[in-house]
């Protein structure tokens, strides 16, 4: 009897321990481990190499970055497991998910306290910063999207408040009381939102009022691109709020305009829209960009010289425009364009073969050219507009030549990845999930580094050691370009070998 009880206890503990691993996809697990390991090693390296007396603060902040990512994108998958367990009437699995949160919270908080406590640091600051990273990361994905978006501006607002109300330095003990209050608020918000989402019967995943966590459901269940493929255009449209519903412009679509007809058939954001439809679709991107300007004004509110304050505001807006348009514009535009085509050619139904029977498409060559124009023209025009805006901003910021080159390569790299993947899809050349994920991980890393590292030259004191990093980035882009060219050539040859391009993969 005692052996059976012990066995059940061990199994129960194993279930609680492995719950986050079973509730998340493999790629997310490995990415989280890589980021946690990088931040842990970075914290150790900073502590060893930093000559400052308060080195432990920097080490704690670096460690907190990894903790914030872990609790924003990996641990919240336990709530998805708990939601499904509740709907399937599995109370044991639901409790295991809740217990697993506490099981992982204890070592996450204890590890830095044990390591830094041996060095004689103030453990109160360490515990509070790590706990804030945990609670803040969890709140970021549990709160509604419109609320989570405002959290991005908190660092800028805190910088501005330092000028207005003369906040004390981080080493001041008063921050312990304020941080403790903020921690209590975040914990209360996390507990209430966890309970609310657990008991809610709504499956809204795309609205601004939904939690970001709910968008991870399909990716967590099916894994990466497969989860996104299950969410077709009709479901995406039904999940949008009324003010974001598309306003299609179907004038001229027919045999007289095969490219426009194919855009309608591709669906999604390929569908021609009216001016009001374009503004509605761009609202989630334009509104945060407009909100960035007053935030930058608050940041520089305490500058003694008016002309210097205005220049700082414009510089900050320029940095935000380059970052927002570059990373969240060009990169996401390329990924979503490739995803729409991938979804259409992946789904096994009668819609795709029927496109070959549309009147007015012509023969094999004309049909292929019309499809390529429909698939590439719209994203290419948008990418050109983004590139022009980014280059204009870089010119206004007086960035040097290498920095402008890297920013340009970032945009062209996104375009190259989109072209290579779409040609492979149209040519029937299957890209394995691991290969595709590796390409986009490398692309994202190069993209972010090429977009933000050159901005260090726009600071008052440029970084002297920037040249080796720029040379390394150029070498990385050259290697990625060779891979993308090989994939694009492979996809193009596959497309030419097909009797017609409307064949399901």
Protein backbone atom coordinates (compact mmCIF):
# COMPACT_ATOMS: atom_id res chain seq x y z
CA UNK A 1 0.00 0.00 0.00
CA UNK A 2 2.80 2.35 0.87
CA UNK A 3 4.59 1.46 -2.36
CA UNK A 4 1.47 2.24 -4.40
CA UNK A 5 1.06 5.55 -2.63
CA UNK A 6 4.72 6.43 -3.24
CA UNK A 7 4.40 5.46 -6.91
CA UNK A 8 1.34 7.66 -7.31
CA UNK A 9 3.22 10.53 -5.61
CA UNK A 10 6.17 10.13 -7.95
CA UNK A 11 3.91 10.04 -10.97
CA UNK A 12 2.07 13.10 -9.74
CA UNK A 13 5.31 14.99 -9.20
CA UNK A 14 6.58 13.92 -12.64
CA UNK A 15 3.35 15.18 -14.21
CA UNK A 16 3.68 18.54 -12.50
CA UNK A 17 7.36 18.77 -13.44
CA UNK A 18 6.81 17.90 -17.11
CA UNK A 19 3.60 19.90 -17.60
CA UNK A 20 5.29 22.90 -19.33
CA UNK A 21 7.17 20.55 -21.64
CA UNK A 22 4.00 18.77 -22.72
CA UNK A 23 1.96 21.97 -23.11
CA UNK A 24 4.40 23.73 -25.48
CA UNK A 25 5.76 22.85 -28.89
CA UNK A 26 9.30 21.62 -29.31
CA UNK A 27 10.61 24.70 -31.10
CA UNK A 28 9.37 26.95 -28.28
CA UNK A 29 11.02 24.73 -25.67
CA UNK A 30 14.40 24.85 -27.38
CA UNK A 31 14.16 28.58 -28.04
CA UNK A 32 13.31 29.25 -24.40
CA UNK A 33 16.21 27.12 -23.22
CA UNK A 34 18.58 28.91 -25.61
CA UNK A 35 17.47 32.36 -24.44
CA UNK A 36 17.61 31.35 -20.76
CA UNK A 37 21.10 29.90 -21.23
CA UNK A 38 22.30 32.99 -23.12
CA UNK A 39 20.95 35.34 -20.46
CA UNK A 40 22.42 33.23 -17.66
CA UNK A 41 25.86 33.19 -19.27
CA UNK A 42 25.55 36.89 -20.06
CA UNK A 43 24.77 37.66 -16.42
CA UNK A 44 27.82 35.68 -15.30
CA UNK A 45 30.07 37.34 -17.90
CA UNK A 46 28.85 40.80 -16.91
CA UNK A 47 29.54 40.09 -13.26
CA UNK A 48 33.05 38.83 -14.01
CA UNK A 49 34.07 41.58 -16.45
CA UNK A 50 32.33 44.65 -15.03
CA UNK A 51 34.60 46.87 -12.87
CA UNK A 52 31.67 48.70 -11.26
CA UNK A 53 30.71 48.21 -7.63
CA UNK A 54 27.04 47.65 -8.49
CA UNK A 55 27.79 44.97 -11.09
CA UNK A 56 25.18 42.73 -9.50
CA UNK A 57 22.43 45.07 -10.68
CA UNK A 58 23.45 44.62 -14.31
CA UNK A 59 23.76 40.86 -13.89
CA UNK A 60 20.31 40.71 -12.33
CA UNK A 61 18.78 42.74 -15.15
CA UNK A 62 20.34 40.47 -17.80
CA UNK A 63 19.03 37.41 -15.97
CA UNK A 64 15.61 39.08 -15.65
CA UNK A 65 15.40 39.44 -19.45
CA UNK A 66 15.55 35.67 -19.86
CA UNK A 67 13.09 35.20 -16.99
CA UNK A 68 10.69 37.69 -18.58
CA UNK A 69 10.75 35.81 -21.89
CA UNK A 70 10.30 32.47 -20.17
CA UNK A 71 7.27 33.65 -18.22
CA UNK A 72 5.77 35.52 -21.14
CA UNK A 73 5.91 32.83 -23.83
CA UNK A 74 6.66 29.43 -22.28
CA UNK A 75 5.06 29.16 -18.84
CA UNK A 76 1.68 30.66 -19.93
CA UNK A 77 1.13 27.60 -22.12
CA UNK A 78 0.20 25.90 -18.84
CA UNK A 79 -2.97 28.00 -18.82
CA UNK A 80 -3.88 26.64 -22.26
CA UNK A 81 -3.41 23.15 -20.85
CA UNK A 82 -5.57 24.04 -17.84
CA UNK A 83 -8.32 25.46 -20.09
CA UNK A 84 -8.48 22.28 -22.15
CA UNK A 85 -8.36 20.12 -19.01
CA UNK A 86 -11.31 22.03 -17.52
CA UNK A 87 -13.37 21.64 -20.71
CA UNK A 88 -12.55 17.93 -20.81
CA UNK A 89 -13.40 17.56 -17.09
CA UNK A 90 -9.88 16.51 -16.08
CA UNK A 91 -9.39 18.20 -12.70
CA UNK A 92 -6.12 16.38 -12.01
CA UNK A 93 -4.47 17.83 -15.12
CA UNK A 94 -5.87 21.26 -14.30
CA UNK A 95 -4.33 21.15 -10.81
CA UNK A 96 -1.03 19.86 -12.24
CA UNK A 97 -0.83 22.93 -14.48
CA UNK A 98 -1.44 25.26 -11.53
CA UNK A 99 1.07 23.48 -9.29
CA UNK A 100 3.66 23.54 -12.07
CA UNK A 101 3.61 27.34 -12.04
CA UNK A 102 4.71 27.38 -8.41
CA UNK A 103 7.15 24.53 -8.92
CA UNK A 104 9.06 26.51 -11.57
CA UNK A 105 8.65 29.87 -9.83
CA UNK A 106 10.66 28.77 -6.79
CA UNK A 107 13.95 27.80 -8.55
CA UNK A 108 13.62 30.70 -10.98
CA UNK A 109 13.63 33.07 -8.02
CA UNK A 110 16.03 31.10 -5.81
CA UNK A 111 18.83 30.60 -8.36
CA UNK A 112 19.99 34.25 -8.63
CA UNK A 113 19.46 34.82 -4.92
CA UNK A 114 21.71 31.86 -4.09
CA UNK A 115 24.39 32.84 -6.62
CA UNK A 116 24.47 36.55 -5.78
CA UNK A 117 23.94 35.99 -2.07
CA UNK A 118 27.34 34.32 -1.89
CA UNK A 119 28.84 37.56 -3.25
CA UNK A 120 27.34 39.66 -0.48
CA UNK A 121 24.79 41.55 -2.59
CA UNK A 122 21.48 42.95 -1.41
CA UNK A 123 19.08 40.07 -2.02
CA UNK A 124 16.01 42.27 -1.62
CA UNK A 125 16.69 44.00 -4.94
CA UNK A 126 17.53 40.71 -6.65
CA UNK A 127 14.36 38.99 -5.48
CA UNK A 128 12.17 41.95 -6.37
CA UNK A 129 13.58 42.46 -9.89
CA UNK A 130 13.30 38.77 -10.76
CA UNK A 131 9.79 38.54 -9.32
CA UNK A 132 8.74 41.63 -11.30
CA UNK A 133 10.10 40.04 -14.48
CA UNK A 134 8.10 36.88 -13.79
CA UNK A 135 4.86 38.65 -12.94
CA UNK A 136 5.27 41.24 -15.69
CA UNK A 137 5.94 38.65 -18.37
CA UNK A 138 2.88 36.69 -17.33
CA UNK A 139 0.72 39.83 -17.29
CA UNK A 140 1.93 40.77 -20.78
CA UNK A 141 0.27 37.72 -22.35
CA UNK A 142 -2.74 37.49 -20.00
CA UNK A 143 -3.93 41.10 -20.34
CA UNK A 144 -5.93 42.22 -23.40
CA UNK A 145 -3.77 43.07 -26.39
CA UNK A 146 -4.57 46.79 -26.26
CA UNK A 147 -3.39 46.88 -22.65
CA UNK A 148 -0.29 44.80 -23.31
CA UNK A 149 0.73 47.17 -26.12
CA UNK A 150 0.90 50.05 -23.66
CA UNK A 151 3.43 48.16 -21.52
CA UNK A 152 6.00 48.72 -24.29
CA UNK A 153 6.00 52.45 -23.51
CA UNK A 154 6.62 52.09 -19.77
CA UNK A 155 10.44 52.40 -20.05
CA UNK A 156 10.03 55.61 -22.04
CA UNK A 157 7.54 57.01 -19.54
CA UNK A 158 9.82 56.17 -16.62
CA UNK A 159 12.66 58.01 -18.34
CA UNK A 160 10.47 61.05 -18.80
CA UNK A 161 9.24 60.96 -15.22
CA UNK A 162 12.84 61.16 -14.02
CA UNK A 163 13.07 64.61 -15.61
CA UNK A 164 9.70 65.78 -14.30
CA UNK A 165 9.63 64.55 -10.71
CA UNK A 166 13.35 63.81 -10.10
CA UNK A 167 13.00 60.15 -9.26
CA UNK A 168 15.76 58.67 -7.08
CA UNK A 169 18.36 56.26 -8.52
CA UNK A 170 17.62 52.54 -8.64
CA UNK A 171 19.86 51.91 -5.65
CA UNK A 172 17.62 54.05 -3.43
CA UNK A 173 15.78 51.91 -0.81
CA UNK A 174 12.50 53.63 -1.62
CA UNK A 175 12.35 51.64 -4.82
CA UNK A 176 11.91 48.51 -2.73
CA UNK A 177 8.57 49.75 -1.38
CA UNK A 178 7.37 50.98 -4.79
CA UNK A 179 8.54 47.79 -6.49
CA UNK A 180 6.80 45.71 -3.83
CA UNK A 181 3.55 47.57 -4.47
CA UNK A 182 3.90 47.08 -8.22
CA UNK A 183 4.61 43.39 -7.65
CA UNK A 184 1.44 42.97 -5.57
CA UNK A 185 -0.61 44.67 -8.29
CA UNK A 186 0.88 42.44 -10.99
CA UNK A 187 0.31 39.29 -8.96
CA UNK A 188 -3.31 40.27 -8.36
CA UNK A 189 -3.79 41.00 -12.07
CA UNK A 190 -2.20 37.67 -13.01
CA UNK A 191 -4.40 35.73 -10.59
CA UNK A 192 -7.62 37.43 -11.72
CA UNK A 193 -6.85 37.11 -15.43
CA UNK A 194 -5.80 33.45 -15.02
CA UNK A 195 -9.12 32.69 -13.34
CA UNK A 196 -11.09 34.73 -15.89
CA UNK A 197 -9.48 33.09 -18.94
CA UNK A 198 -9.75 29.65 -17.35
CA UNK A 199 -13.49 29.97 -16.83
CA UNK A 200 -14.29 31.83 -20.06
CA UNK A 201 -15.99 29.96 -22.88
CA UNK A 202 -14.88 32.45 -25.55
CA UNK A 203 -12.38 31.35 -28.20
CA UNK A 204 -11.67 34.81 -29.58
CA UNK A 205 -8.02 34.78 -30.61
CA UNK A 206 -7.50 37.79 -32.86
CA UNK A 207 -9.39 40.73 -31.37
CA UNK A 208 -7.62 43.56 -29.56
CA UNK A 209 -9.69 42.69 -26.49
CA UNK A 210 -8.40 39.12 -26.40
CA UNK A 211 -5.33 38.01 -24.51
CA UNK A 212 -2.17 37.45 -26.52
CA UNK A 213 -2.05 34.01 -24.93
CA UNK A 214 -5.11 32.88 -26.86
CA UNK A 215 -3.27 33.44 -30.14
CA UNK A 216 -0.73 30.84 -29.05
CA UNK A 217 -3.39 28.13 -28.85
CA UNK A 218 -3.11 26.80 -32.38
CA UNK A 219 0.65 27.13 -32.51
CA UNK A 220 0.95 25.28 -29.20
CA UNK A 221 -1.40 22.50 -30.25
CA UNK A 222 -0.23 21.86 -33.78
CA UNK A 223 3.19 23.43 -33.79
CA UNK A 224 4.45 26.48 -35.63
CA UNK A 225 3.25 26.85 -39.20
CA UNK A 226 0.85 23.89 -38.98
CA UNK A 227 -1.16 25.65 -36.30
CA UNK A 228 -1.41 28.79 -38.38
CA UNK A 229 -2.47 26.76 -41.41
CA UNK A 230 -5.57 25.55 -39.58
CA UNK A 231 -6.74 29.15 -39.14
CA UNK A 232 -8.13 29.90 -42.60
CA UNK A 233 -9.18 33.28 -43.98
CA UNK A 234 -12.83 32.85 -43.06
CA UNK A 235 -12.02 32.14 -39.42
CA UNK A 236 -9.64 35.10 -39.25
CA UNK A 237 -12.29 37.45 -40.63
CA UNK A 238 -14.95 36.21 -38.20
CA UNK A 239 -12.62 36.69 -35.24
CA UNK A 240 -11.96 40.37 -36.02
CA UNK A 241 -13.97 43.15 -34.33
CA UNK A 242 -16.48 45.06 -36.45
CA UNK A 243 -14.25 48.11 -36.93
CA UNK A 244 -11.50 45.88 -38.41
CA UNK A 245 -13.75 44.04 -40.88
CA UNK A 246 -12.35 44.34 -44.42
CA UNK A 247 -14.01 46.49 -47.07
CA UNK A 248 -13.29 44.68 -50.33
CA UNK A 249 -13.17 46.45 -53.70
CA UNK A 250 -14.19 43.93 -56.34
CA UNK A 251 -14.57 46.38 -59.21
CA UNK A 252 -12.79 45.15 -62.33
CA UNK A 253 -12.25 41.60 -61.04
CA UNK A 254 -12.99 39.16 -63.84
CA UNK A 255 -11.64 37.70 -67.10
CA UNK A 256 -10.55 41.16 -68.23
CA UNK A 257 -8.21 41.42 -65.23
CA UNK A 258 -6.79 37.98 -64.33
CA UNK A 259 -4.30 39.38 -61.82
CA UNK A 260 -7.04 41.11 -59.85
CA UNK A 261 -9.19 37.99 -60.00
CA UNK A 262 -6.33 35.88 -58.65
CA UNK A 263 -5.81 38.34 -55.79
CA UNK A 264 -9.44 37.82 -54.81
CA UNK A 265 -8.97 34.06 -55.06
CA UNK A 266 -5.85 34.12 -52.87
CA UNK A 267 -7.88 35.80 -50.12
CA UNK A 268 -6.60 37.31 -46.91
CA UNK A 269 -4.93 40.68 -47.24
CA UNK A 270 -4.40 40.02 -50.99
CA UNK A 271 -8.06 40.94 -51.57
CA UNK A 272 -8.33 44.45 -53.13
CA UNK A 273 -9.73 46.92 -50.57
CA UNK A 274 -11.23 50.35 -50.57
CA UNK A 275 -9.41 53.27 -48.96
CA UNK A 276 -11.45 52.80 -45.79
CA UNK A 277 -10.56 49.11 -45.83
CA UNK A 278 -6.84 49.87 -46.04
CA UNK A 279 -7.08 52.32 -43.14
CA UNK A 280 -8.97 49.81 -41.03
CA UNK A 281 -6.39 47.13 -41.75
CA UNK A 282 -3.50 49.49 -40.96
CA UNK A 283 -5.03 50.85 -37.74
CA UNK A 284 -3.29 48.35 -35.37
CA UNK A 285 0.06 49.50 -36.78
CA UNK A 286 -0.61 53.22 -37.24
CA UNK A 287 -2.13 53.89 -33.81
CA UNK A 288 0.91 52.71 -31.79
CA UNK A 289 3.16 54.72 -34.11
CA UNK A 290 1.12 57.87 -33.48
CA UNK A 291 1.20 57.19 -29.74
CA UNK A 292 4.98 57.02 -29.88
CA UNK A 293 5.36 60.76 -30.55
CA UNK A 294 3.77 62.05 -27.29
CA UNK A 295 5.65 59.38 -25.37
CA UNK A 296 8.93 60.70 -26.75
CA UNK A 297 7.83 64.22 -25.84
CA UNK A 298 7.32 63.11 -22.24
CA UNK A 299 10.74 61.49 -22.25
CA UNK A 300 12.43 64.79 -23.13
CA UNK A 301 10.15 67.04 -21.07
CA UNK A 302 12.92 67.96 -18.65
CA UNK A 303 15.58 68.93 -21.19
CA UNK A 304 17.02 72.36 -20.35
CA UNK A 305 17.41 73.53 -23.97
CA UNK A 306 14.33 73.65 -26.15
CA UNK A 307 16.18 73.06 -29.42
CA UNK A 308 18.02 70.10 -27.92
CA UNK A 309 14.74 68.68 -26.61
CA UNK A 310 13.11 68.97 -30.03
CA UNK A 311 16.11 67.30 -31.67
CA UNK A 312 16.00 64.50 -29.10
CA UNK A 313 12.30 63.98 -29.70
CA UNK A 314 12.79 63.81 -33.45
CA UNK A 315 15.74 61.46 -33.00
CA UNK A 316 13.70 59.21 -30.72
CA UNK A 317 10.79 59.17 -33.16
CA UNK A 318 13.25 58.33 -35.93
CA UNK A 319 14.66 55.41 -33.94
CA UNK A 320 11.13 54.19 -33.28
CA UNK A 321 10.16 54.50 -36.94
CA UNK A 322 13.22 52.55 -38.10
CA UNK A 323 12.61 49.86 -35.50
CA UNK A 324 8.84 49.64 -35.94
CA UNK A 325 8.77 49.81 -39.72
CA UNK A 326 11.83 47.62 -40.07
CA UNK A 327 11.14 44.77 -37.68
CA UNK A 328 7.37 44.84 -37.24
CA UNK A 329 6.72 46.06 -40.77
CA UNK A 330 9.03 44.49 -43.31
CA UNK A 331 9.68 41.23 -41.53
CA UNK A 332 6.06 40.52 -40.61
CA UNK A 333 4.86 41.58 -44.05
CA UNK A 334 7.21 39.08 -45.69
CA UNK A 335 6.21 36.27 -43.34
CA UNK A 336 2.47 36.86 -43.72
CA UNK A 337 2.63 37.08 -47.53
CA UNK A 338 4.48 33.77 -47.69
CA UNK A 339 2.05 32.24 -45.18
CA UNK A 340 -1.04 33.15 -47.22
CA UNK A 341 0.35 31.42 -50.30
CA UNK A 342 1.57 28.48 -48.23
CA UNK A 343 -1.88 28.01 -46.71
CA UNK A 344 -3.63 28.11 -50.06
CA UNK A 345 -1.32 25.54 -51.69
CA UNK A 346 -1.21 23.30 -48.61
CA UNK A 347 -4.93 22.86 -48.05
CA UNK A 348 -6.36 19.80 -49.82
CA UNK A 349 -9.72 20.85 -51.25
CA UNK A 350 -11.29 21.67 -54.60
CA UNK A 351 -10.66 25.43 -54.47
CA UNK A 352 -7.08 25.41 -55.74
CA UNK A 353 -7.55 23.13 -58.79
CA UNK A 354 -10.59 25.19 -59.81
CA UNK A 355 -8.36 28.23 -60.18
CA UNK A 356 -6.81 26.57 -63.23
CA UNK A 357 -10.26 26.70 -64.86
CA UNK A 358 -10.81 30.42 -64.38
CA UNK A 359 -11.58 32.06 -67.75
CA UNK A 360 -9.10 34.55 -69.11
CA UNK A 361 -5.94 33.08 -67.57
CA UNK A 362 -4.55 31.92 -70.90
CA UNK A 363 -2.04 29.15 -71.45
CA UNK A 364 0.63 27.77 -69.14
CA UNK A 365 3.11 30.66 -69.45
CA UNK A 366 0.45 33.38 -69.25
CA UNK A 367 -1.23 31.65 -66.31
CA UNK A 368 2.10 31.38 -64.47
CA UNK A 369 2.96 35.04 -65.10
CA UNK A 370 -0.47 36.19 -63.90
CA UNK A 371 -0.09 34.20 -60.69
CA UNK A 372 3.40 35.55 -60.02
CA UNK A 373 2.19 39.12 -60.54
CA UNK A 374 -0.75 38.53 -58.21
CA UNK A 375 1.42 36.90 -55.53
CA UNK A 376 4.38 39.29 -55.62
CA UNK A 377 3.11 42.69 -56.81
CA UNK A 378 1.26 43.76 -53.66
CA UNK A 379 3.88 42.73 -51.06
CA UNK A 380 6.68 44.09 -53.24
CA UNK A 381 5.02 47.50 -53.48
CA UNK A 382 4.49 47.60 -49.73
CA UNK A 383 8.07 46.50 -49.09
CA UNK A 384 9.30 49.27 -51.40
CA UNK A 385 7.27 51.85 -49.46
CA UNK A 386 8.65 50.56 -46.16
CA UNK A 387 12.20 50.64 -47.50
CA UNK A 388 11.73 54.19 -48.75
CA UNK A 389 10.40 55.29 -45.35
CA UNK A 390 13.21 53.59 -43.46
CA UNK A 391 15.89 55.07 -45.75
CA UNK A 392 14.36 58.53 -45.49
CA UNK A 393 14.41 58.24 -41.70
CA UNK A 394 18.00 56.99 -41.74
CA UNK A 395 18.99 59.97 -43.93
CA UNK A 396 17.26 62.39 -41.58
CA UNK A 397 19.13 60.84 -38.67
CA UNK A 398 22.45 61.31 -40.53
CA UNK A 399 23.41 57.66 -40.21
CA UNK A 400 26.77 56.75 -41.79
CA UNK A 401 27.06 54.67 -44.94
CA UNK A 402 27.61 51.25 -43.30
CA UNK A 403 24.58 51.77 -41.08
CA UNK A 404 22.37 52.68 -44.05
CA UNK A 405 23.68 49.61 -45.90
CA UNK A 406 22.79 47.31 -43.02
CA UNK A 407 19.30 48.76 -42.69
CA UNK A 408 18.81 48.28 -46.43
CA UNK A 409 20.10 44.71 -46.29
CA UNK A 410 17.62 43.98 -43.50
CA UNK A 411 14.71 44.98 -45.72
CA UNK A 412 16.12 43.17 -48.77
CA UNK A 413 16.74 40.07 -46.67
CA UNK A 414 13.07 39.95 -45.69
CA UNK A 415 12.09 40.30 -49.35
CA UNK A 416 14.50 37.53 -50.32
CA UNK A 417 13.10 35.15 -47.71
CA UNK A 418 9.56 35.87 -48.91
CA UNK A 419 10.47 35.30 -52.58
CA UNK A 420 12.37 32.08 -51.85
CA UNK A 421 9.60 30.57 -49.74
CA UNK A 422 6.81 31.55 -52.12
CA UNK A 423 8.67 30.14 -55.14
CA UNK A 424 9.27 26.89 -53.27
CA UNK A 425 5.57 26.72 -52.43
CA UNK A 426 4.44 27.43 -56.01
CA UNK A 427 7.04 25.01 -57.39
CA UNK A 428 6.04 22.17 -55.09
CA UNK A 429 9.42 22.06 -53.33
CA UNK A 430 8.68 21.13 -49.76
CA UNK A 431 10.61 22.91 -47.03
CA UNK A 432 10.79 20.98 -43.79
CA UNK A 433 9.66 22.81 -40.66
CA UNK A 434 13.12 22.69 -39.12
CA UNK A 435 14.75 24.22 -42.20
CA UNK A 436 12.13 26.93 -42.48
CA UNK A 437 12.31 27.73 -38.76
CA UNK A 438 16.12 27.91 -38.91
CA UNK A 439 16.00 30.33 -41.85
CA UNK A 440 13.55 32.62 -40.10
CA UNK A 441 15.45 32.50 -36.81
CA UNK A 442 18.69 33.52 -38.57
CA UNK A 443 16.80 36.13 -40.58
CA UNK A 444 15.19 37.60 -37.47
CA UNK A 445 18.50 37.78 -35.59
CA UNK A 446 20.29 39.44 -38.51
CA UNK A 447 17.29 41.69 -39.08
CA UNK A 448 17.14 42.96 -35.52
CA UNK A 449 20.90 43.41 -35.21
CA UNK A 450 21.16 45.18 -38.56
CA UNK A 451 18.28 47.48 -37.64
CA UNK A 452 19.23 48.46 -34.09
CA UNK A 453 23.02 48.16 -33.82
CA UNK A 454 23.68 50.88 -36.45
CA UNK A 455 21.53 53.24 -34.37
CA UNK A 456 24.36 53.29 -31.83
CA UNK A 457 26.11 55.67 -34.22
CA UNK A 458 23.20 58.10 -33.85
CA UNK A 459 23.93 58.51 -30.15
CA UNK A 460 25.82 61.45 -28.70
CA UNK A 461 28.81 59.16 -28.10
CA UNK A 462 29.12 56.62 -30.96
CA UNK A 463 30.52 53.23 -30.11
CA UNK A 464 34.09 52.85 -31.35
CA UNK A 465 33.91 49.05 -31.51
CA UNK A 466 31.00 48.99 -33.96
CA UNK A 467 33.01 48.23 -37.13
CA UNK A 468 33.76 44.53 -36.36
CA UNK A 469 30.08 43.90 -35.66
CA UNK A 470 29.10 45.55 -38.95
CA UNK A 471 31.59 43.37 -40.85
CA UNK A 472 30.24 40.26 -39.14
CA UNK A 473 26.68 41.24 -40.06
CA UNK A 474 27.68 41.76 -43.69
CA UNK A 475 29.21 38.27 -43.75
CA UNK A 476 26.03 36.85 -42.23
CA UNK A 477 23.86 38.53 -44.85
CA UNK A 478 26.11 37.19 -47.63
CA UNK A 479 25.76 33.62 -46.33
CA UNK A 480 21.98 33.95 -45.95
CA UNK A 481 21.68 35.46 -49.44
CA UNK A 482 23.45 32.44 -50.94
CA UNK A 483 21.02 30.06 -49.22
CA UNK A 484 17.97 32.07 -50.28
CA UNK A 485 19.19 32.27 -53.89
CA UNK A 486 19.62 28.49 -53.96
CA UNK A 487 16.12 27.96 -52.57
CA UNK A 488 14.60 30.46 -54.99
CA UNK A 489 16.31 28.79 -57.97
CA UNK A 490 15.07 25.41 -56.78
CA UNK A 491 11.51 26.68 -56.45
CA UNK A 492 11.61 28.42 -59.84
CA UNK A 493 12.77 25.26 -61.60
CA UNK A 494 10.00 23.31 -59.86
CA UNK A 495 7.43 25.87 -61.00
CA UNK A 496 8.60 25.65 -64.62
CA UNK A 497 8.37 21.85 -64.50
CA UNK A 498 4.73 21.85 -63.41
CA UNK A 499 1.97 21.61 -66.05
CA UNK A 500 0.19 24.43 -64.24
CA UNK A 501 0.87 26.13 -60.89
CA UNK A 502 -2.46 25.29 -59.24
CA UNK A 503 -1.43 21.91 -57.88
CA UNK A 504 -1.87 21.13 -54.17
CA UNK A 505 1.33 20.41 -52.27
